[in-house]
Amino acid sequence: MALYIIQYIARHFDYIQVDSIFIAVLGMGIFYTMIFVLPEQLVILYCKYRFDSFNFEPSGEIKPSRDENENMVS
């Protein structure tokens, strides 16, 4: 779909080069992708530092949730 839009614009506007359109679309695509991906990654990073149960033990298992007295929570 996006390819057809780019081809339409390139054919009807002679002063715009196809490579300029491609770079603009690529830049906007990366920008909007990062708008959705970066907040999720920041929340995961925060949870890994804030909650010990988001990390793994050396054996490869997820650490269990614990309360403030270091007792396991089921």
Foldseek 3Di string as FASTA:
>chain_A
DVVVVLVVCCVVPVVDDSVNVVVVVVVVVVVVVCVPPVVVVVVLVVCVVPFQQSDADPVGHGDAGADPVRHGDD
